[in-house]
PDB file of all heavy atoms in Angstrom:
ATOM      1  N   LEU A   1     -11.584 -15.096   1.398  1.00  0.00           N
ATOM      2  CA  LEU A   1     -11.720 -15.858   2.639  1.00  0.00           C
ATOM      3  C   LEU A   1     -13.160 -16.351   2.704  1.00  0.00           C
ATOM      4  O   LEU A   1     -14.090 -15.536   2.728  1.00  0.00           O
ATOM      5  CB  LEU A   1     -11.425 -14.972   3.853  1.00  0.00           C
ATOM      6  CG  LEU A   1     -10.037 -14.358   3.927  1.00  0.00           C
ATOM      7  CD1 LEU A   1      -9.992 -13.033   3.195  1.00  0.00           C
ATOM      8  CD2 LEU A   1      -9.637 -14.173   5.355  1.00  0.00           C
ATOM      9  N   ASP A   2     -13.347 -17.660   2.728  1.00  0.00           N
ATOM     10  CA  ASP A   2     -14.685 -18.243   2.774  1.00  0.00           C
ATOM     11  C   ASP A   2     -14.952 -18.868   4.123  1.00  0.00           C
ATOM     12  O   ASP A   2     -14.107 -19.571   4.670  1.00  0.00           O
ATOM     13  CB  ASP A   2     -14.830 -19.330   1.701  1.00  0.00           C
ATOM     14  CG  ASP A   2     -15.100 -18.758   0.337  1.00  0.00           C
ATOM     15  OD1 ASP A   2     -16.044 -17.958   0.216  1.00  0.00           O
ATOM     16  OD2 ASP A   2     -14.370 -19.101  -0.605  1.00  0.00           O
ATOM     17  N   ASP A   3     -16.122 -18.604   4.630  1.00  0.00           N
ATOM     18  CA  ASP A   3     -16.617 -19.270   5.823  1.00  0.00           C
ATOM     19  C   ASP A   3     -18.070 -19.591   5.546  1.00  0.00           C
ATOM     20  O   ASP A   3     -18.635 -19.120   4.555  1.00  0.00           O
ATOM     21  CB  ASP A   3     -16.472 -18.366   7.051  1.00  0.00           C
ATOM     22  CG  ASP A   3     -16.313 -19.159   8.351  1.00  0.00           C
ATOM     23  OD1 ASP A   3     -16.733 -20.337   8.392  1.00  0.00           O
ATOM     24  OD2 ASP A   3     -15.783 -18.601   9.321  1.00  0.00           O
ATOM     25  N   LYS A   4     -18.690 -20.358   6.420  1.00  0.00           N
ATOM     26  CA  LYS A   4     -20.071 -20.749   6.135  1.00  0.00           C
ATOM     27  C   LYS A   4     -21.043 -19.577   6.240  1.00  0.00           C
ATOM     28  O   LYS A   4     -22.113 -19.609   5.671  1.00  0.00           O
ATOM     29  CB  LYS A   4     -20.516 -21.908   7.013  1.00  0.00           C
ATOM     30  CG  LYS A   4     -20.618 -21.597   8.484  1.00  0.00           C
ATOM     31  CD  LYS A   4     -21.029 -22.845   9.242  1.00  0.00           C
ATOM     32  CE  LYS A   4     -21.225 -22.577  10.704  1.00  0.00           C
ATOM     33  NZ  LYS A   4     -21.589 -23.787  11.422  1.00  0.00           N
ATOM     34  N   HIS A   5     -20.654 -18.505   6.917  1.00  0.00           N
ATOM     35  CA  HIS A   5     -21.556 -17.378   7.126  1.00  0.00           C
ATOM     36  C   HIS A   5     -21.308 -16.195   6.189  1.00  0.00           C
ATOM     37  O   HIS A   5     -22.191 -15.378   5.985  1.00  0.00           O
ATOM     38  CB  HIS A   5     -21.503 -16.921   8.581  1.00  0.00           C
ATOM     39  CG  HIS A   5     -20.187 -16.354   9.002  1.00  0.00           C
ATOM     40  ND1 HIS A   5     -19.008 -17.066   8.940  1.00  0.00           N
ATOM     41  CD2 HIS A   5     -19.854 -15.131   9.455  1.00  0.00           C
ATOM     42  CE1 HIS A   5     -18.021 -16.322   9.369  1.00  0.00           C
ATOM     43  NE2 HIS A   5     -18.497 -15.132   9.677  1.00  0.00           N
ATOM     44  N   LEU A   6     -20.089 -16.095   5.636  1.00  0.00           N
ATOM     45  CA  LEU A   6     -19.806 -14.993   4.720  1.00  0.00           C
ATOM     46  C   LEU A   6     -18.601 -15.302   3.846  1.00  0.00           C
ATOM     47  O   LEU A   6     -17.848 -16.232   4.112  1.00  0.00           O
ATOM     48  CB  LEU A   6     -19.598 -13.665   5.465  1.00  0.00           C
ATOM     49  CG  LEU A   6     -18.502 -13.540   6.524  1.00  0.00           C
ATOM     50  CD1 LEU A   6     -17.106 -13.412   5.934  1.00  0.00           C
ATOM     51  CD2 LEU A   6     -18.789 -12.331   7.389  1.00  0.00           C
ATOM     52  N   ARG A   7     -18.470 -14.523   2.813  1.00  0.00           N
ATOM     53  CA  ARG A   7     -17.284 -14.552   1.950  1.00  0.00           C
ATOM     54  C   ARG A   7     -16.723 -13.132   1.974  1.00  0.00           C
ATOM     55  O   ARG A   7     -17.456 -12.170   1.768  1.00  0.00           O
ATOM     56  CB  ARG A   7     -17.643 -14.943   0.522  1.00  0.00           C
ATOM     57  CG  ARG A   7     -16.469 -14.801  -0.452  1.00  0.00           C
ATOM     58  CD  ARG A   7     -16.802 -15.307  -1.827  1.00  0.00           C
ATOM     59  NE  ARG A   7     -16.895 -16.759  -1.733  1.00  0.00           N
ATOM     60  CZ  ARG A   7     -17.725 -17.495  -2.476  1.00  0.00           C
ATOM     61  NH1 ARG A   7     -18.524 -16.925  -3.351  1.00  0.00           N
ATOM     62  NH2 ARG A   7     -17.750 -18.803  -2.336  1.00  0.00           N
ATOM     63  N   ALA A   8     -15.423 -13.035   2.222  1.00  0.00           N
ATOM     64  CA  ALA A   8     -14.783 -11.724   2.254  1.00  0.00           C
ATOM     65  C   ALA A   8     -13.637 -11.697   1.253  1.00  0.00           C
ATOM     66  O   ALA A   8     -12.969 -12.708   1.022  1.00  0.00           O
ATOM     67  CB  ALA A   8     -14.254 -11.422   3.653  1.00  0.00           C
ATOM     68  N   TYR A   9     -13.449 -10.545   0.660  1.00  0.00           N
ATOM     69  CA  TYR A   9     -12.329 -10.301  -0.238  1.00  0.00           C
ATOM     70  C   TYR A   9     -11.506  -9.177   0.364  1.00  0.00           C
ATOM     71  O   TYR A   9     -12.052  -8.148   0.769  1.00  0.00           O
ATOM     72  CB  TYR A   9     -12.811  -9.867  -1.620  1.00  0.00           C
ATOM     73  CG  TYR A   9     -13.610 -10.918  -2.340  1.00  0.00           C
ATOM     74  CD1 TYR A   9     -14.995 -10.941  -2.251  1.00  0.00           C
ATOM     75  CD2 TYR A   9     -12.974 -11.891  -3.113  1.00  0.00           C
ATOM     76  CE1 TYR A   9     -15.739 -11.902  -2.902  1.00  0.00           C
ATOM     77  CE2 TYR A   9     -13.716 -12.856  -3.770  1.00  0.00           C
ATOM     78  CZ  TYR A   9     -15.093 -12.859  -3.668  1.00  0.00           C
ATOM     79  OH  TYR A   9     -15.823 -13.817  -4.317  1.00  0.00           O
ATOM     80  N   ILE A  10     -10.209  -9.400   0.435  1.00  0.00           N
ATOM     81  CA  ILE A  10      -9.288  -8.383   0.913  1.00  0.00           C
ATOM     82  C   ILE A  10      -8.260  -8.186  -0.189  1.00  0.00           C
ATOM     83  O   ILE A  10      -7.633  -9.142  -0.649  1.00  0.00           O
ATOM     84  CB  ILE A  10      -8.602  -8.790   2.224  1.00  0.00           C
ATOM     85  CG1 ILE A  10      -9.659  -9.007   3.306  1.00  0.00           C
ATOM     86  CG2 ILE A  10      -7.583  -7.742   2.654  1.00  0.00           C
ATOM     87  CD1 ILE A  10      -9.154  -9.691   4.541  1.00  0.00           C
ATOM     88  N   SER A  11      -8.119  -6.956  -0.619  1.00  0.00           N
ATOM     89  CA  SER A  11      -7.238  -6.655  -1.729  1.00  0.00           C
ATOM     90  C   SER A  11      -6.255  -5.566  -1.356  1.00  0.00           C
ATOM     91  O   SER A  11      -6.579  -4.651  -0.599  1.00  0.00           O
ATOM     92  CB  SER A  11      -8.085  -6.180  -2.917  1.00  0.00           C
ATOM     93  OG  SER A  11      -7.256  -5.637  -3.921  1.00  0.00           O
ATOM     94  N   VAL A  12      -5.061  -5.674  -1.905  1.00  0.00           N
ATOM     95  CA  VAL A  12      -4.106  -4.579  -1.851  1.00  0.00           C
ATOM     96  C   VAL A  12      -3.800  -4.204  -3.299  1.00  0.00           C
ATOM     97  O   VAL A  12      -3.484  -5.056  -4.126  1.00  0.00           O
ATOM     98  CB  VAL A  12      -2.818  -4.942  -1.092  1.00  0.00           C
ATOM     99  CG1 VAL A  12      -1.782  -3.841  -1.228  1.00  0.00           C
ATOM    100  CG2 VAL A  12      -3.119  -5.202   0.375  1.00  0.00           C
ATOM    101  N   TYR A  13      -3.947  -2.923  -3.575  1.00  0.00           N
ATOM    102  CA  TYR A  13      -3.754  -2.358  -4.907  1.00  0.00           C
ATOM    103  C   TYR A  13      -2.730  -1.236  -4.763  1.00  0.00           C
ATOM    104  O   TYR A  13      -2.872  -0.372  -3.893  1.00  0.00           O
ATOM    105  CB  TYR A  13      -5.104  -1.818  -5.390  1.00  0.00           C
ATOM    106  CG  TYR A  13      -5.086  -1.077  -6.695  1.00  0.00           C
ATOM    107  CD1 TYR A  13      -5.298  -1.753  -7.893  1.00  0.00           C
ATOM    108  CD2 TYR A  13      -4.893   0.292  -6.736  1.00  0.00           C
ATOM    109  CE1 TYR A  13      -5.313  -1.077  -9.105  1.00  0.00           C
ATOM    110  CE2 TYR A  13      -4.907   0.979  -7.948  1.00  0.00           C
ATOM    111  CZ  TYR A  13      -5.107   0.282  -9.116  1.00  0.00           C
ATOM    112  OH  TYR A  13      -5.123   0.957 -10.307  1.00  0.00           O
ATOM    113  N   VAL A  14      -1.686  -1.251  -5.589  1.00  0.00           N
ATOM    114  CA  VAL A  14      -0.613  -0.265  -5.457  1.00  0.00           C
ATOM    115  C   VAL A  14      -0.404   0.448  -6.790  1.00  0.00           C
ATOM    116  O   VAL A  14      -0.218  -0.187  -7.823  1.00  0.00           O
ATOM    117  CB  VAL A  14       0.710  -0.929  -5.011  1.00  0.00           C
ATOM    118  CG1 VAL A  14       1.827   0.100  -4.914  1.00  0.00           C
ATOM    119  CG2 VAL A  14       0.535  -1.649  -3.677  1.00  0.00           C
ATOM    120  N   GLU A  15      -0.442   1.784  -6.731  1.00  0.00           N
ATOM    121  CA  GLU A  15      -0.136   2.628  -7.884  1.00  0.00           C
ATOM    122  C   GLU A  15       1.175   3.347  -7.600  1.00  0.00           C
ATOM    123  O   GLU A  15       1.417   3.764  -6.470  1.00  0.00           O
ATOM    124  CB  GLU A  15      -1.213   3.700  -8.090  1.00  0.00           C
ATOM    125  CG  GLU A  15      -2.569   3.177  -8.435  1.00  0.00           C
ATOM    126  CD  GLU A  15      -3.609   4.299  -8.511  1.00  0.00           C
ATOM    127  OE1 GLU A  15      -3.418   5.374  -7.889  1.00  0.00           O
ATOM    128  OE2 GLU A  15      -4.620   4.086  -9.193  1.00  0.00           O
ATOM    129  N   SER A  16       1.991   3.502  -8.626  1.00  0.00           N
ATOM    130  CA  SER A  16       3.232   4.266  -8.485  1.00  0.00           C
ATOM    131  C   SER A  16       3.258   5.338  -9.557  1.00  0.00           C
ATOM    132  O   SER A  16       3.032   5.051 -10.730  1.00  0.00           O
ATOM    133  CB  SER A  16       4.443   3.346  -8.631  1.00  0.00           C
ATOM    134  OG  SER A  16       5.629   4.101  -8.597  1.00  0.00           O
ATOM    135  N   SER A  17       3.528   6.579  -9.147  1.00  0.00           N
ATOM    136  CA  SER A  17       3.528   7.669 -10.119  1.00  0.00           C
ATOM    137  C   SER A  17       4.896   7.875 -10.770  1.00  0.00           C
ATOM    138  O   SER A  17       4.983   8.239 -11.923  1.00  0.00           O
ATOM    139  CB  SER A  17       3.047   8.965  -9.465  1.00  0.00           C
ATOM    140  OG  SER A  17       3.885   9.288  -8.386  1.00  0.00           O
ATOM    141  N   ASP A  18       5.963   7.629 -10.042  1.00  0.00           N
ATOM    142  CA  ASP A  18       7.288   7.848 -10.629  1.00  0.00           C
ATOM    143  C   ASP A  18       8.315   6.809 -10.175  1.00  0.00           C
ATOM    144  O   ASP A  18       9.504   7.023 -10.310  1.00  0.00           O
ATOM    145  CB  ASP A  18       7.785   9.260 -10.294  1.00  0.00           C
ATOM    146  CG  ASP A  18       8.023   9.455  -8.803  1.00  0.00           C
ATOM    147  OD1 ASP A  18       7.878   8.492  -8.029  1.00  0.00           O
ATOM    148  OD2 ASP A  18       8.366  10.584  -8.414  1.00  0.00           O
ATOM    149  N   GLY A  19       7.847   5.711  -9.643  1.00  0.00           N
ATOM    150  CA  GLY A  19       8.756   4.680  -9.156  1.00  0.00           C
ATOM    151  C   GLY A  19       9.200   4.859  -7.723  1.00  0.00           C
ATOM    152  O   GLY A  19       9.792   3.961  -7.146  1.00  0.00           O
ATOM    153  N   HIS A  20       8.903   6.017  -7.136  1.00  0.00           N
ATOM    154  CA  HIS A  20       9.272   6.270  -5.741  1.00  0.00           C
ATOM    155  C   HIS A  20       8.094   6.760  -4.911  1.00  0.00           C
ATOM    156  O   HIS A  20       8.130   6.693  -3.695  1.00  0.00           O
ATOM    157  CB  HIS A  20      10.410   7.291  -5.650  1.00  0.00           C
ATOM    158  CG  HIS A  20      11.656   6.849  -6.319  1.00  0.00           C
ATOM    159  ND1 HIS A  20      12.443   5.822  -5.848  1.00  0.00           N
ATOM    160  CD2 HIS A  20      12.245   7.264  -7.473  1.00  0.00           C
ATOM    161  CE1 HIS A  20      13.463   5.641  -6.653  1.00  0.00           C
ATOM    162  NE2 HIS A  20      13.370   6.503  -7.656  1.00  0.00           N
ATOM    163  N   ARG A  21       7.075   7.282  -5.559  1.00  0.00           N
ATOM    164  CA  ARG A  21       5.869   7.769  -4.872  1.00  0.00           C
ATOM    165  C   ARG A  21       4.761   6.745  -5.105  1.00  0.00           C
ATOM    166  O   ARG A  21       4.471   6.390  -6.238  1.00  0.00           O
ATOM    167  CB  ARG A  21       5.462   9.128  -5.399  1.00  0.00           C
ATOM    168  CG  ARG A  21       6.505  10.200  -5.145  1.00  0.00           C
ATOM    169  CD  ARG A  21       6.129  11.493  -5.824  1.00  0.00           C
ATOM    170  NE  ARG A  21       4.830  11.919  -5.349  1.00  0.00           N
ATOM    171  CZ  ARG A  21       4.628  12.931  -4.521  1.00  0.00           C
ATOM    172  NH1 ARG A  21       5.639  13.644  -4.115  1.00  0.00           N
ATOM    173  NH2 ARG A  21       3.418  13.256  -4.126  1.00  0.00           N
ATOM    174  N   TYR A  22       4.151   6.308  -3.999  1.00  0.00           N
ATOM    175  CA  TYR A  22       3.151   5.236  -4.071  1.00  0.00           C
ATOM    176  C   TYR A  22       1.835   5.661  -3.435  1.00  0.00           C
ATOM    177  O   TYR A  22       1.823   6.420  -2.471  1.00  0.00           O
ATOM    178  CB  TYR A  22       3.660   3.994  -3.336  1.00  0.00           C
ATOM    179  CG  TYR A  22       4.857   3.363  -3.987  1.00  0.00           C
ATOM    180  CD1 TYR A  22       6.147   3.738  -3.619  1.00  0.00           C
ATOM    181  CD2 TYR A  22       4.697   2.395  -4.968  1.00  0.00           C
ATOM    182  CE1 TYR A  22       7.254   3.157  -4.217  1.00  0.00           C
ATOM    183  CE2 TYR A  22       5.805   1.808  -5.567  1.00  0.00           C
ATOM    184  CZ  TYR A  22       7.078   2.199  -5.188  1.00  0.00           C
ATOM    185  OH  TYR A  22       8.161   1.617  -5.793  1.00  0.00           O
ATOM    186  N   SER A  23       0.768   5.128  -3.988  1.00  0.00           N
ATOM    187  CA  SER A  23      -0.556   5.157  -3.363  1.00  0.00           C
ATOM    188  C   SER A  23      -0.954   3.700  -3.217  1.00  0.00           C
ATOM    189  O   SER A  23      -1.129   2.998  -4.213  1.00  0.00           O
ATOM    190  CB  SER A  23      -1.579   5.886  -4.235  1.00  0.00           C
ATOM    191  OG  SER A  23      -1.253   7.240  -4.348  1.00  0.00           O
ATOM    192  N   ALA A  24      -1.049   3.250  -1.973  1.00  0.00           N
ATOM    193  CA  ALA A  24      -1.421   1.860  -1.703  1.00  0.00           C
ATOM    194  C   ALA A  24      -2.831   1.853  -1.119  1.00  0.00           C
ATOM    195  O   ALA A  24      -3.155   2.665  -0.248  1.00  0.00           O
ATOM    196  CB  ALA A  24      -0.439   1.220  -0.736  1.00  0.00           C
ATOM    197  N   PHE A  25      -3.658   0.940  -1.623  1.00  0.00           N
ATOM    198  CA  PHE A  25      -5.050   0.822  -1.197  1.00  0.00           C
ATOM    199  C   PHE A  25      -5.261  -0.540  -0.556  1.00  0.00           C
ATOM    200  O   PHE A  25      -4.767  -1.545  -1.063  1.00  0.00           O
ATOM    201  CB  PHE A  25      -5.997   0.920  -2.403  1.00  0.00           C
ATOM    202  CG  PHE A  25      -5.954   2.224  -3.131  1.00  0.00           C
ATOM    203  CD1 PHE A  25      -4.920   2.510  -4.020  1.00  0.00           C
ATOM    204  CD2 PHE A  25      -6.950   3.174  -2.938  1.00  0.00           C
ATOM    205  CE1 PHE A  25      -4.877   3.708  -4.703  1.00  0.00           C
ATOM    206  CE2 PHE A  25      -6.911   4.375  -3.623  1.00  0.00           C
ATOM    207  CZ  PHE A  25      -5.874   4.646  -4.507  1.00  0.00           C
ATOM    208  N   VAL A  26      -6.021  -0.571   0.534  1.00  0.00           N
ATOM    209  CA  VAL A  26      -6.528  -1.823   1.103  1.00  0.00           C
ATOM    210  C   VAL A  26      -8.034  -1.772   0.920  1.00  0.00           C
ATOM    211  O   VAL A  26      -8.696  -0.822   1.348  1.00  0.00           O
ATOM    212  CB  VAL A  26      -6.170  -1.982   2.595  1.00  0.00           C
ATOM    213  CG1 VAL A  26      -6.876  -3.194   3.182  1.00  0.00           C
ATOM    214  CG2 VAL A  26      -4.674  -2.118   2.761  1.00  0.00           C
ATOM    215  N   ILE A  27      -8.553  -2.803   0.258  1.00  0.00           N
ATOM    216  CA  ILE A  27      -9.972  -2.847  -0.105  1.00  0.00           C
ATOM    217  C   ILE A  27     -10.600  -4.075   0.546  1.00  0.00           C
ATOM    218  O   ILE A  27     -10.026  -5.162   0.504  1.00  0.00           O
ATOM    219  CB  ILE A  27     -10.129  -2.932  -1.637  1.00  0.00           C
ATOM    220  CG1 ILE A  27      -9.417  -1.747  -2.304  1.00  0.00           C
ATOM    221  CG2 ILE A  27     -11.601  -3.009  -2.031  1.00  0.00           C
ATOM    222  CD1 ILE A  27      -9.128  -1.956  -3.780  1.00  0.00           C
ATOM    223  N   THR A  28     -11.770  -3.894   1.143  1.00  0.00           N
ATOM    224  CA  THR A  28     -12.518  -4.996   1.751  1.00  0.00           C
ATOM    225  C   THR A  28     -13.896  -5.063   1.116  1.00  0.00           C
ATOM    226  O   THR A  28     -14.568  -4.038   0.987  1.00  0.00           O
ATOM    227  CB  THR A  28     -12.691  -4.774   3.269  1.00  0.00           C
ATOM    228  OG1 THR A  28     -11.405  -4.597   3.873  1.00  0.00           O
ATOM    229  CG2 THR A  28     -13.403  -5.946   3.922  1.00  0.00           C
ATOM    230  N   LEU A  29     -14.307  -6.260   0.713  1.00  0.00           N
ATOM    231  CA  LEU A  29     -15.670  -6.503   0.236  1.00  0.00           C
ATOM    232  C   LEU A  29     -16.202  -7.710   0.994  1.00  0.00           C
ATOM    233  O   LEU A  29     -15.455  -8.665   1.241  1.00  0.00           O
ATOM    234  CB  LEU A  29     -15.707  -6.811  -1.259  1.00  0.00           C
ATOM    235  CG  LEU A  29     -15.394  -5.651  -2.184  1.00  0.00           C
ATOM    236  CD1 LEU A  29     -13.924  -5.628  -2.511  1.00  0.00           C
ATOM    237  CD2 LEU A  29     -16.202  -5.771  -3.434  1.00  0.00           C
ATOM    238  N   VAL A  30     -17.477  -7.680   1.357  1.00  0.00           N
ATOM    239  CA  VAL A  30     -18.080  -8.774   2.121  1.00  0.00           C
ATOM    240  C   VAL A  30     -19.423  -9.141   1.500  1.00  0.00           C
ATOM    241  O   VAL A  30     -20.234  -8.269   1.194  1.00  0.00           O
ATOM    242  CB  VAL A  30     -18.289  -8.384   3.608  1.00  0.00           C
ATOM    243  CG1 VAL A  30     -18.890  -9.547   4.402  1.00  0.00           C
ATOM    244  CG2 VAL A  30     -16.973  -7.925   4.235  1.00  0.00           C
ATOM    245  N   GLN A  31     -19.620 -10.449   1.331  1.00  0.00           N
ATOM    246  CA  GLN A  31     -20.904 -10.997   0.886  1.00  0.00           C
ATOM    247  C   GLN A  31     -21.423 -11.883   2.016  1.00  0.00           C
ATOM    248  O   GLN A  31     -20.743 -12.816   2.441  1.00  0.00           O
ATOM    249  CB  GLN A  31     -20.721 -11.845  -0.376  1.00  0.00           C
ATOM    250  CG  GLN A  31     -20.170 -11.084  -1.541  1.00  0.00           C
ATOM    251  CD  GLN A  31     -19.717 -11.993  -2.675  1.00  0.00           C
ATOM    252  OE1 GLN A  31     -19.534 -13.195  -2.507  1.00  0.00           O
ATOM    253  NE2 GLN A  31     -19.515 -11.412  -3.848  1.00  0.00           N
ATOM    254  N   PHE A  32     -22.615 -11.587   2.507  1.00  0.00           N
ATOM    255  CA  PHE A  32     -23.210 -12.395   3.571  1.00  0.00           C
ATOM    256  C   PHE A  32     -23.917 -13.589   2.946  1.00  0.00           C
ATOM    257  O   PHE A  32     -24.644 -13.444   1.972  1.00  0.00           O
ATOM    258  CB  PHE A  32     -24.218 -11.573   4.381  1.00  0.00           C
ATOM    259  CG  PHE A  32     -23.643 -10.295   4.921  1.00  0.00           C
ATOM    260  CD1 PHE A  32     -24.266  -9.084   4.680  1.00  0.00           C
ATOM    261  CD2 PHE A  32     -22.479 -10.294   5.666  1.00  0.00           C
ATOM    262  CE1 PHE A  32     -23.744  -7.899   5.174  1.00  0.00           C
ATOM    263  CE2 PHE A  32     -21.941  -9.117   6.162  1.00  0.00           C
ATOM    264  CZ  PHE A  32     -22.582  -7.915   5.916  1.00  0.00           C
TER     265      PHE A  32
END
């Protein structure tokens, strides 16, 4: 997401251990 004051990254990362158990991550990074 770009704006004139900052750039932000929003990510969703999903790991599955056996096809039924999940670890989902939401990651935010910001550059001013």
